Amino acid sequence: MERNPRLAQASWAVEAARGQAVQAGLYPNPVVSVTGDELGDRTGPSGIWSAGASQEIVTADKLGLSRAAAMKQVDRASLALAAERYRVLTEVRQNYAELLLLQKRAEVLSDLVKLAGQSLATANKLLGAKEVARLDVVQLEVDAERYQADLNATKRSIPPAFQRLAASVGAPELPLSTVAGDLETPLPNYDLDRTRAYMLSVHPELRSAELGVERAQLLARRAEVDPVPNVTVSSGYTRQGQNDSNDWSVGVSVPVPLWNRNQGNIYAAKAQVGEAAGEVGRVRNDLVGRLSTSVGTYAAARERAERYKAAILPRAEETYQLSLKAYQGGQFEYLRVLQAQRAVGEARLEYLRALGEMWRAASEIAGLTLEDNWPAAPAPQPTKTR
C-alpha cells in the first residue's frame, strides 16, 4: 500500500480533483484600467486621464453549481483510489498464489522424477530378467522424460512469477526467494446471492458511476442557467487637463441572450445524464458478471479439491500401497505397482491445480467484496483446563 506507484498516482488524482473543485467556485477577478489621452495637447498638455474598475457579478448560482459538480468529481476520484487499492490487492494475492502453486508443483514433480527414475531402473532390471517387455520400459522412459520436462518448465516459470509478485507489491528490486504459505489454508464459503448483494452495496466502481449521474445532473442544471446573463458593474474617474475638471462615471452592462441561449450545450448535457445512467447499469452488470464467474469457478475448484483430498488421493495412495504389498507377495506384476504409483502422482498434480484455481477465484471475490484482511486467520482454539 505504501510503495505501489499505481496507488500514489491515484492519490495525486484526488488532490488534482480537489484543486479543480476550488477553482470551479472562485469568483471572477475585477478589472482595473488606467488610460491617458491627448497627452501634450496645446490646450492642456497634461491630457485626459481616466481610471476605472469593473466587476462581473455571477448570477443564478452558476459558481455554486460548478463547484458542486467538481466536488462530485473529487468523490469519484476518491472512489477510484479505493477501487485501485483492491485491484492491487487482488493482483498481489493472485500473483502470490500463482508463485506458491509453482513452488508446490515443483516439489511434487521433483518427487515424481525421483520415483520415475527408480521405477525405470527397476524396470530395466526386470527387462534384463525378461520379466517385462521393452514396450513397458519405453512407456516408463516417456513418463520419466515428461515429468522431467514439466519440472524444468515449472522451475523456469518461478523467477518470472516472483518478479510479477514483486512488481505488483511495488518492490521489483527484491531478490528471488521462496514465499511462505500453504495452499490448503481454509477459505470462506461464498453464497452468490448474499455476496452479490453485499458487493453492490459497497463497491466503489458502482458508487462512482452513481455519482457520475449526480454530477451530470448538476452540469445539466449549470448548462440551463448559463443563459441567465451575468451583470457587469463599473465605475470610473476622469481628469481632464484642458478644462481642469474632475468627472465620474458609472455603468452597468448585461449581455442579451437573443440568439445564443446555450441550446446545444443544454442538449448535450441532458444526453450526458442519460449516458451516465447507462454507465451505472453497465458497471452493475460487469461487477455481477465478474463475481458470478469467480464464484462459479471457486465453487467448482473447491469441490474438486475437496474431492481429491477426501477421496481420490487417499484411495490412490491406498491402491499403491496394496499393489506394492501384493507385488512383494508375488501376486501382482511390477507394472501394476507402477501404474498405481503414477496415479498417485497425477492425483497430486490435479489436486494442486484445483487449489490454484480455487485461490485465484477466491482472490477475485475478495477484491470485489473489499476484503482487507484476507484470508482471515483461523479462530484460536480454546485452551483446555484441567
Protein backbone atom coordinates (compact mmCIF):
# COMPACT_ATOMS: atom_id res chain seq x y z
CA MET A 1 0.00 0.00 0.00
CA GLU A 2 2.90 2.37 0.69
CA ARG A 3 5.11 1.52 -2.28
CA ASN A 4 2.84 0.71 -5.21
CA PRO A 5 3.05 3.60 -7.72
CA ARG A 6 -0.48 3.00 -9.01
CA LEU A 7 -1.89 3.97 -5.62
CA ALA A 8 0.35 7.03 -5.42
CA GLN A 9 -0.85 8.07 -8.87
CA ALA A 10 -4.49 7.66 -7.86
CA SER A 11 -3.84 9.67 -4.68
CA TRP A 12 -2.47 12.57 -6.70
CA ALA A 13 -5.53 12.38 -8.95
CA VAL A 14 -7.66 13.02 -5.86
CA GLU A 15 -5.58 16.09 -4.99
CA ALA A 16 -5.84 17.35 -8.58
CA ALA A 17 -9.63 16.99 -8.44
CA ARG A 18 -9.71 18.94 -5.16
CA GLY A 19 -7.77 21.77 -6.77
CA GLN A 20 -10.15 21.84 -9.72
CA ALA A 21 -13.11 21.97 -7.31
CA VAL A 22 -11.61 25.00 -5.57
CA GLN A 23 -11.00 26.69 -8.90
CA ALA A 24 -14.56 26.00 -10.11
CA GLY A 25 -16.06 28.05 -7.27
CA LEU A 26 -13.78 31.10 -7.46
CA TYR A 27 -15.33 34.45 -8.33
CA PRO A 28 -14.12 36.36 -11.43
CA ASN A 29 -11.41 38.91 -10.73
CA PRO A 30 -12.23 42.63 -11.01
CA VAL A 31 -10.78 44.56 -13.94
CA VAL A 32 -8.87 47.80 -13.29
CA SER A 33 -7.78 50.12 -16.09
CA VAL A 34 -5.89 53.44 -16.40
CA THR A 35 -5.65 55.30 -19.71
CA GLY A 36 -4.18 58.64 -20.81
CA ASP A 37 -5.45 60.54 -23.90
CA GLU A 38 -4.47 63.73 -25.72
CA LEU A 39 -1.18 63.98 -23.88
CA GLY A 40 0.76 67.10 -24.90
CA ASP A 41 -2.31 68.85 -26.29
CA ARG A 42 -1.64 72.62 -26.53
CA THR A 43 -4.82 73.47 -24.63
CA GLY A 44 -3.93 71.07 -21.81
CA PRO A 45 -0.55 69.36 -22.03
CA SER A 46 -1.42 67.00 -19.15
CA GLY A 47 -4.11 65.41 -21.35
CA ILE A 48 -7.06 63.41 -20.20
CA TRP A 49 -6.52 60.63 -17.65
CA SER A 50 -9.14 58.01 -16.86
CA ALA A 51 -9.17 55.30 -14.23
CA GLY A 52 -11.88 52.69 -13.96
CA ALA A 53 -12.82 49.40 -12.34
CA SER A 54 -15.39 46.78 -13.29
CA GLN A 55 -16.68 43.62 -11.65
CA GLU A 56 -18.69 40.79 -13.19
CA ILE A 57 -21.47 39.60 -10.88
CA VAL A 58 -22.26 35.93 -11.45
CA THR A 59 -25.95 35.15 -11.30
CA ALA A 60 -28.20 32.07 -10.99
CA ASP A 61 -25.78 30.28 -8.64
CA LYS A 62 -23.55 29.31 -11.55
CA LEU A 63 -20.44 29.10 -9.35
CA GLY A 64 -22.25 27.03 -6.74
CA LEU A 65 -23.38 24.53 -9.39
CA SER A 66 -19.91 24.38 -10.94
CA ARG A 67 -18.30 23.76 -7.56
CA ALA A 68 -20.89 21.13 -6.61
CA ALA A 69 -20.24 19.26 -9.86
CA ALA A 70 -16.49 19.49 -9.28
CA MET A 71 -16.89 18.13 -5.73
CA LYS A 72 -18.67 15.10 -7.19
CA GLN A 73 -15.56 14.55 -9.27
CA VAL A 74 -13.45 14.71 -6.08
CA ASP A 75 -15.63 11.99 -4.59
CA ARG A 76 -15.28 9.93 -7.76
CA ALA A 77 -11.50 10.30 -7.66
CA SER A 78 -11.51 9.11 -4.04
CA LEU A 79 -13.61 6.11 -5.01
CA ALA A 80 -11.24 5.42 -7.92
CA LEU A 81 -8.41 5.33 -5.37
CA ALA A 82 -10.34 2.81 -3.27
CA ALA A 83 -11.08 0.69 -6.34
CA GLU A 84 -7.42 0.78 -7.37
CA ARG A 85 -6.43 -0.31 -3.86
CA TYR A 86 -8.46 -3.51 -4.14
CA ARG A 87 -7.31 -4.14 -7.70
CA VAL A 88 -3.74 -4.01 -6.38
CA LEU A 89 -4.62 -6.33 -3.51
CA THR A 90 -6.25 -8.79 -5.92
CA GLU A 91 -3.23 -8.70 -8.19
CA VAL A 92 -0.83 -9.29 -5.30
CA ARG A 93 -2.93 -12.15 -3.94
CA GLN A 94 -3.23 -13.85 -7.32
CA ASN A 95 0.46 -13.45 -8.09
CA TYR A 96 1.30 -14.82 -4.65
CA ALA A 97 -0.99 -17.84 -5.14
CA GLU A 98 0.49 -18.46 -8.59
CA LEU A 99 4.04 -18.42 -7.22
CA LEU A 100 3.12 -20.63 -4.27
CA LEU A 101 1.43 -23.08 -6.65
CA LEU A 102 4.55 -23.25 -8.82
CA GLN A 103 6.71 -23.94 -5.77
CA LYS A 104 4.40 -26.76 -4.60
CA ARG A 105 4.16 -28.14 -8.13
CA ALA A 106 7.96 -28.21 -8.38
CA GLU A 107 8.13 -30.18 -5.12
CA VAL A 108 5.62 -32.76 -6.38
CA LEU A 109 7.31 -33.05 -9.76
CA SER A 110 10.71 -33.49 -8.07
CA ASP A 111 9.28 -36.43 -6.15
CA LEU A 112 7.77 -37.86 -9.34
CA VAL A 113 11.08 -37.52 -11.19
CA LYS A 114 12.83 -39.46 -8.43
CA LEU A 115 10.15 -42.14 -8.39
CA ALA A 116 10.19 -42.37 -12.17
CA GLY A 117 13.97 -42.81 -12.11
CA GLN A 118 13.72 -45.56 -9.51
CA SER A 119 10.91 -47.26 -11.40
CA LEU A 120 12.84 -47.10 -14.65
CA ALA A 121 15.91 -48.62 -13.01
CA THR A 122 13.81 -51.46 -11.59
CA ALA A 123 12.08 -52.00 -14.93
CA ASN A 124 15.42 -52.25 -16.73
CA LYS A 125 16.46 -54.96 -14.28
CA LEU A 126 13.19 -56.76 -14.91
CA LEU A 127 13.73 -56.35 -18.65
CA GLY A 128 17.15 -57.94 -18.26
CA ALA A 129 15.48 -60.82 -16.44
CA LYS A 130 12.86 -60.92 -19.23
CA GLU A 131 10.06 -60.32 -16.75
CA VAL A 132 8.74 -57.26 -18.63
CA ALA A 133 8.60 -56.26 -22.27
CA ARG A 134 10.62 -53.49 -23.90
CA LEU A 135 7.33 -51.69 -24.62
CA ASP A 136 6.72 -51.34 -20.88
CA VAL A 137 10.18 -49.88 -20.34
CA VAL A 138 9.67 -47.37 -23.17
CA GLN A 139 6.46 -46.20 -21.53
CA LEU A 140 8.34 -45.63 -18.28
CA GLU A 141 11.03 -43.72 -20.16
CA VAL A 142 8.33 -41.49 -21.68
CA ASP A 143 6.87 -40.85 -18.23
CA ALA A 144 10.29 -40.03 -16.78
CA GLU A 145 11.04 -37.58 -19.60
CA ARG A 146 7.62 -35.98 -19.31
CA TYR A 147 7.98 -35.45 -15.57
CA GLN A 148 11.47 -34.02 -16.06
CA ALA A 149 10.24 -31.66 -18.79
CA ASP A 150 7.35 -30.49 -16.58
CA LEU A 151 9.75 -29.96 -13.68
CA ASN A 152 12.18 -27.95 -15.81
CA ALA A 153 9.35 -25.80 -17.20
CA THR A 154 7.96 -25.20 -13.71
CA LYS A 155 11.36 -24.18 -12.35
CA ARG A 156 11.82 -21.77 -15.26
CA SER A 157 8.41 -20.24 -14.51
CA ILE A 158 9.24 -19.48 -10.87
CA PRO A 159 11.61 -16.46 -11.36
CA PRO A 160 9.19 -14.58 -13.68
CA ALA A 161 6.33 -15.33 -11.29
CA PHE A 162 8.38 -13.91 -8.41
CA GLN A 163 9.15 -10.79 -10.45
CA ARG A 164 5.43 -10.32 -11.17
CA LEU A 165 4.68 -10.60 -7.46
CA ALA A 166 7.49 -8.18 -6.54
CA ALA A 167 6.34 -5.69 -9.19
CA SER A 168 2.73 -5.83 -8.01
CA VAL A 169 3.93 -5.16 -4.48
CA GLY A 170 5.89 -2.16 -5.76
CA ALA A 171 9.35 -3.57 -4.99
CA PRO A 172 10.69 -5.01 -8.28
CA GLU A 173 14.25 -4.98 -6.95
CA LEU A 174 13.54 -7.76 -4.42
CA PRO A 175 15.94 -10.71 -4.81
CA LEU A 176 14.47 -14.07 -5.75
CA SER A 177 13.35 -16.04 -2.71
CA THR A 178 10.81 -18.62 -1.65
CA VAL A 179 7.41 -17.43 -0.47
CA ALA A 180 5.89 -18.96 2.64
CA GLY A 181 2.38 -20.26 2.86
CA ASP A 182 0.04 -23.16 2.36
CA LEU A 183 -2.50 -23.56 -0.42
CA GLU A 184 -4.60 -25.67 1.95
CA THR A 185 -5.33 -22.66 4.18
CA PRO A 186 -9.11 -22.68 4.78
CA LEU A 187 -11.00 -20.24 2.58
CA PRO A 188 -14.53 -18.95 3.25
CA ASN A 189 -17.75 -20.20 1.74
CA TYR A 190 -19.37 -17.75 -0.70
CA ASP A 191 -23.12 -17.64 -1.24
CA LEU A 192 -23.67 -15.98 -4.61
CA ASP A 193 -26.85 -14.08 -3.74
CA ARG A 194 -25.60 -12.69 -0.43
CA THR A 195 -22.16 -11.92 -1.84
CA ARG A 196 -23.67 -10.13 -4.84
CA ALA A 197 -25.97 -8.02 -2.66
CA TYR A 198 -23.08 -7.05 -0.40
CA MET A 199 -20.77 -6.24 -3.31
CA LEU A 200 -23.36 -3.99 -4.96
CA SER A 201 -23.86 -2.11 -1.70
CA VAL A 202 -20.17 -1.30 -1.14
CA HIS A 203 -18.23 -1.49 -4.39
CA PRO A 204 -16.58 1.87 -5.24
CA GLU A 205 -16.94 1.45 -9.00
CA LEU A 206 -20.73 1.29 -8.73
CA ARG A 207 -20.87 4.19 -6.27
CA SER A 208 -18.64 6.21 -8.62
CA ALA A 209 -21.00 5.52 -11.52
CA GLU A 210 -23.95 6.70 -9.39
CA LEU A 211 -22.04 9.86 -8.52
CA GLY A 212 -21.46 10.30 -12.22
CA VAL A 213 -25.23 10.59 -12.69
CA GLU A 214 -25.43 13.21 -9.93
CA ARG A 215 -22.54 15.14 -11.46
CA ALA A 216 -24.14 15.01 -14.92
CA GLN A 217 -27.41 16.33 -13.46
CA LEU A 218 -25.59 19.23 -11.85
CA LEU A 219 -23.81 20.02 -15.11
CA ALA A 220 -27.13 19.88 -16.95
CA ARG A 221 -28.59 22.35 -14.47
CA ARG A 222 -25.47 24.50 -14.90
CA ALA A 223 -25.97 24.49 -18.65
CA GLU A 224 -29.64 25.50 -18.23
CA VAL A 225 -28.79 28.56 -16.11
CA ASP A 226 -25.86 29.63 -18.27
CA PRO A 227 -28.07 31.85 -20.48
CA VAL A 228 -29.06 33.90 -17.43
CA PRO A 229 -26.89 36.97 -18.00
CA ASN A 230 -24.13 37.93 -15.62
CA VAL A 231 -24.14 41.60 -14.70
CA THR A 232 -21.01 43.71 -15.03
CA VAL A 233 -20.91 46.92 -12.97
CA SER A 234 -18.24 49.56 -13.50
CA SER A 235 -17.20 52.97 -12.23
CA GLY A 236 -14.52 55.39 -13.31
CA TYR A 237 -12.83 58.73 -12.78
CA THR A 238 -11.60 61.11 -15.47
CA ARG A 239 -9.23 64.04 -15.02
CA GLN A 240 -9.34 66.50 -17.97
CA GLY A 241 -6.31 68.71 -18.24
CA GLN A 242 -7.84 71.05 -20.89
CA ASN A 243 -10.50 72.49 -18.61
CA ASP A 244 -9.07 71.32 -15.31
CA SER A 245 -12.17 69.23 -14.39
CA ASN A 246 -12.82 66.00 -12.49
CA ASP A 247 -15.51 63.69 -13.89
CA TRP A 248 -17.02 60.43 -12.59
CA SER A 249 -18.78 57.64 -14.43
CA VAL A 250 -20.79 54.53 -13.51
CA GLY A 251 -22.08 51.80 -15.76
CA VAL A 252 -23.96 48.51 -15.89
CA SER A 253 -23.71 46.05 -18.80
CA VAL A 254 -25.73 42.90 -19.41
CA PRO A 255 -25.40 40.55 -22.40
CA VAL A 256 -28.74 39.89 -24.10
CA PRO A 257 -29.30 36.13 -24.76
CA LEU A 258 -31.01 36.75 -28.07
CA TRP A 259 -29.56 34.11 -30.38
CA ASN A 260 -27.18 32.08 -28.24
CA ARG A 261 -29.14 30.64 -25.32
CA ASN A 262 -26.73 27.72 -24.83
CA GLN A 263 -29.16 25.41 -26.61
CA GLY A 264 -26.51 22.99 -27.89
CA ASN A 265 -24.75 22.62 -24.56
CA ILE A 266 -28.05 22.09 -22.75
CA TYR A 267 -28.99 19.34 -25.20
CA ALA A 268 -25.57 17.70 -24.83
CA ALA A 269 -25.65 17.94 -21.02
CA LYS A 270 -29.06 16.25 -20.85
CA ALA A 271 -27.79 13.50 -23.15
CA GLN A 272 -24.81 13.01 -20.83
CA VAL A 273 -27.23 12.44 -17.94
CA GLY A 274 -28.68 9.52 -19.87
CA GLU A 275 -25.20 8.31 -20.74
CA ALA A 276 -24.19 8.41 -17.07
CA ALA A 277 -27.33 6.50 -16.08
CA GLY A 278 -26.44 3.84 -18.64
CA GLU A 279 -22.96 3.63 -17.14
CA VAL A 280 -24.49 2.66 -13.79
CA GLY A 281 -26.20 -0.31 -15.43
CA ARG A 282 -23.07 -1.28 -17.33
CA VAL A 283 -20.91 -1.22 -14.20
CA ARG A 284 -23.50 -3.19 -12.22
CA ASN A 285 -23.72 -5.84 -14.92
CA ASP A 286 -19.95 -6.01 -15.24
CA LEU A 287 -19.47 -6.45 -11.49
CA VAL A 288 -22.19 -9.10 -11.26
CA GLY A 289 -20.72 -10.93 -14.24
CA ARG A 290 -17.22 -10.92 -12.77
CA LEU A 291 -18.49 -12.06 -9.39
CA SER A 292 -20.67 -14.81 -10.85
CA THR A 293 -17.79 -16.15 -12.92
CA SER A 294 -15.44 -16.10 -9.94
CA VAL A 295 -17.93 -17.70 -7.56
CA GLY A 296 -18.71 -20.41 -10.10
CA THR A 297 -15.03 -21.11 -10.73
CA TYR A 298 -14.32 -21.08 -7.00
CA ALA A 299 -17.16 -23.45 -6.14
CA ALA A 300 -16.16 -25.92 -8.87
CA ALA A 301 -12.46 -25.80 -7.97
CA ARG A 302 -13.20 -26.14 -4.27
CA GLU A 303 -15.46 -29.13 -4.86
CA ARG A 304 -12.78 -30.75 -6.99
CA ALA A 305 -10.05 -30.03 -4.45
CA GLU A 306 -12.11 -31.37 -1.57
CA ARG A 307 -12.96 -34.50 -3.53
CA TYR A 308 -9.31 -35.10 -4.35
CA LYS A 309 -8.27 -34.55 -0.74
CA ALA A 310 -11.04 -36.59 0.86
CA ALA A 311 -11.40 -39.46 -1.58
CA ILE A 312 -9.18 -39.59 -4.64
CA LEU A 313 -5.76 -39.03 -3.05
CA PRO A 314 -6.33 -41.42 -0.11
CA ARG A 315 -7.65 -44.12 -2.42
CA ALA A 316 -4.86 -43.67 -4.93
CA GLU A 317 -2.32 -43.93 -2.11
CA GLU A 318 -4.11 -47.00 -0.73
CA THR A 319 -4.12 -48.59 -4.17
CA TYR A 320 -0.40 -48.01 -4.46
CA GLN A 321 0.34 -49.47 -1.04
CA LEU A 322 -1.84 -52.53 -1.70
CA SER A 323 -0.26 -53.04 -5.11
CA LEU A 324 3.21 -52.80 -3.59
CA LYS A 325 2.36 -55.37 -0.92
CA ALA A 326 0.77 -57.66 -3.49
CA TYR A 327 3.86 -57.41 -5.70
CA GLN A 328 6.14 -58.16 -2.75
CA GLY A 329 3.95 -61.18 -2.02
CA GLY A 330 4.26 -62.35 -5.60
CA GLN A 331 0.62 -61.72 -6.50
CA PHE A 332 0.99 -58.76 -8.93
CA GLU A 333 3.32 -57.78 -11.73
CA TYR A 334 5.51 -54.79 -11.07
CA LEU A 335 3.73 -52.84 -13.79
CA ARG A 336 0.61 -52.77 -11.62
CA VAL A 337 2.68 -51.08 -8.92
CA LEU A 338 3.99 -48.53 -11.40
CA GLN A 339 0.50 -47.75 -12.63
CA ALA A 340 -0.68 -47.16 -9.07
CA GLN A 341 2.37 -45.02 -8.38
CA ARG A 342 1.70 -42.94 -11.49
CA ALA A 343 -1.93 -42.48 -10.42
CA VAL A 344 -0.80 -41.05 -7.07
CA GLY A 345 1.48 -38.54 -8.78
CA GLU A 346 -1.16 -37.44 -11.28
CA ALA A 347 -3.72 -37.07 -8.48
CA ARG A 348 -1.35 -34.84 -6.51
CA LEU A 349 -0.79 -32.63 -9.54
CA GLU A 350 -4.53 -32.36 -10.22
CA TYR A 351 -5.14 -31.55 -6.57
CA LEU A 352 -2.63 -28.70 -6.77
CA ARG A 353 -4.21 -27.45 -9.99
CA ALA A 354 -7.63 -27.35 -8.31
CA LEU A 355 -6.17 -25.49 -5.32
CA GLY A 356 -4.58 -22.93 -7.64
CA GLU A 357 -7.85 -22.29 -9.47
CA MET A 358 -9.64 -22.00 -6.13
CA TRP A 359 -7.18 -19.40 -4.81
CA ARG A 360 -7.25 -17.31 -7.97
CA ALA A 361 -11.05 -17.19 -8.00
CA ALA A 362 -11.26 -16.53 -4.25
CA SER A 363 -8.77 -13.66 -4.61
CA GLU A 364 -11.02 -12.08 -7.24
CA ILE A 365 -14.04 -12.46 -4.96
CA ALA A 366 -12.13 -10.93 -2.03
CA GLY A 367 -11.24 -7.93 -4.20
CA LEU A 368 -14.83 -7.45 -5.37
CA THR A 369 -16.11 -7.58 -1.77
CA LEU A 370 -13.37 -5.24 -0.48
CA GLU A 371 -11.68 -7.71 1.86
CA ASP A 372 -8.61 -6.20 3.51
CA ASN A 373 -7.55 -8.97 5.90
CA TRP A 374 -7.88 -11.99 3.63
CA PRO A 375 -7.85 -14.87 4.07
CA ALA A 376 -8.86 -14.40 7.68
CA ALA A 377 -6.68 -16.17 10.21
CA PRO A 378 -8.36 -19.24 11.80
CA ALA A 379 -10.03 -18.51 15.10
CA PRO A 380 -7.84 -19.51 18.05
CA GLN A 381 -8.86 -22.76 19.66
CA PRO A 382 -9.88 -22.50 23.32
CA THR A 383 -7.33 -23.97 25.69
CA LYS A 384 -8.45 -26.84 27.82
CA THR A 385 -8.07 -26.53 31.54
CA ARG A 386 -7.86 -29.39 33.93
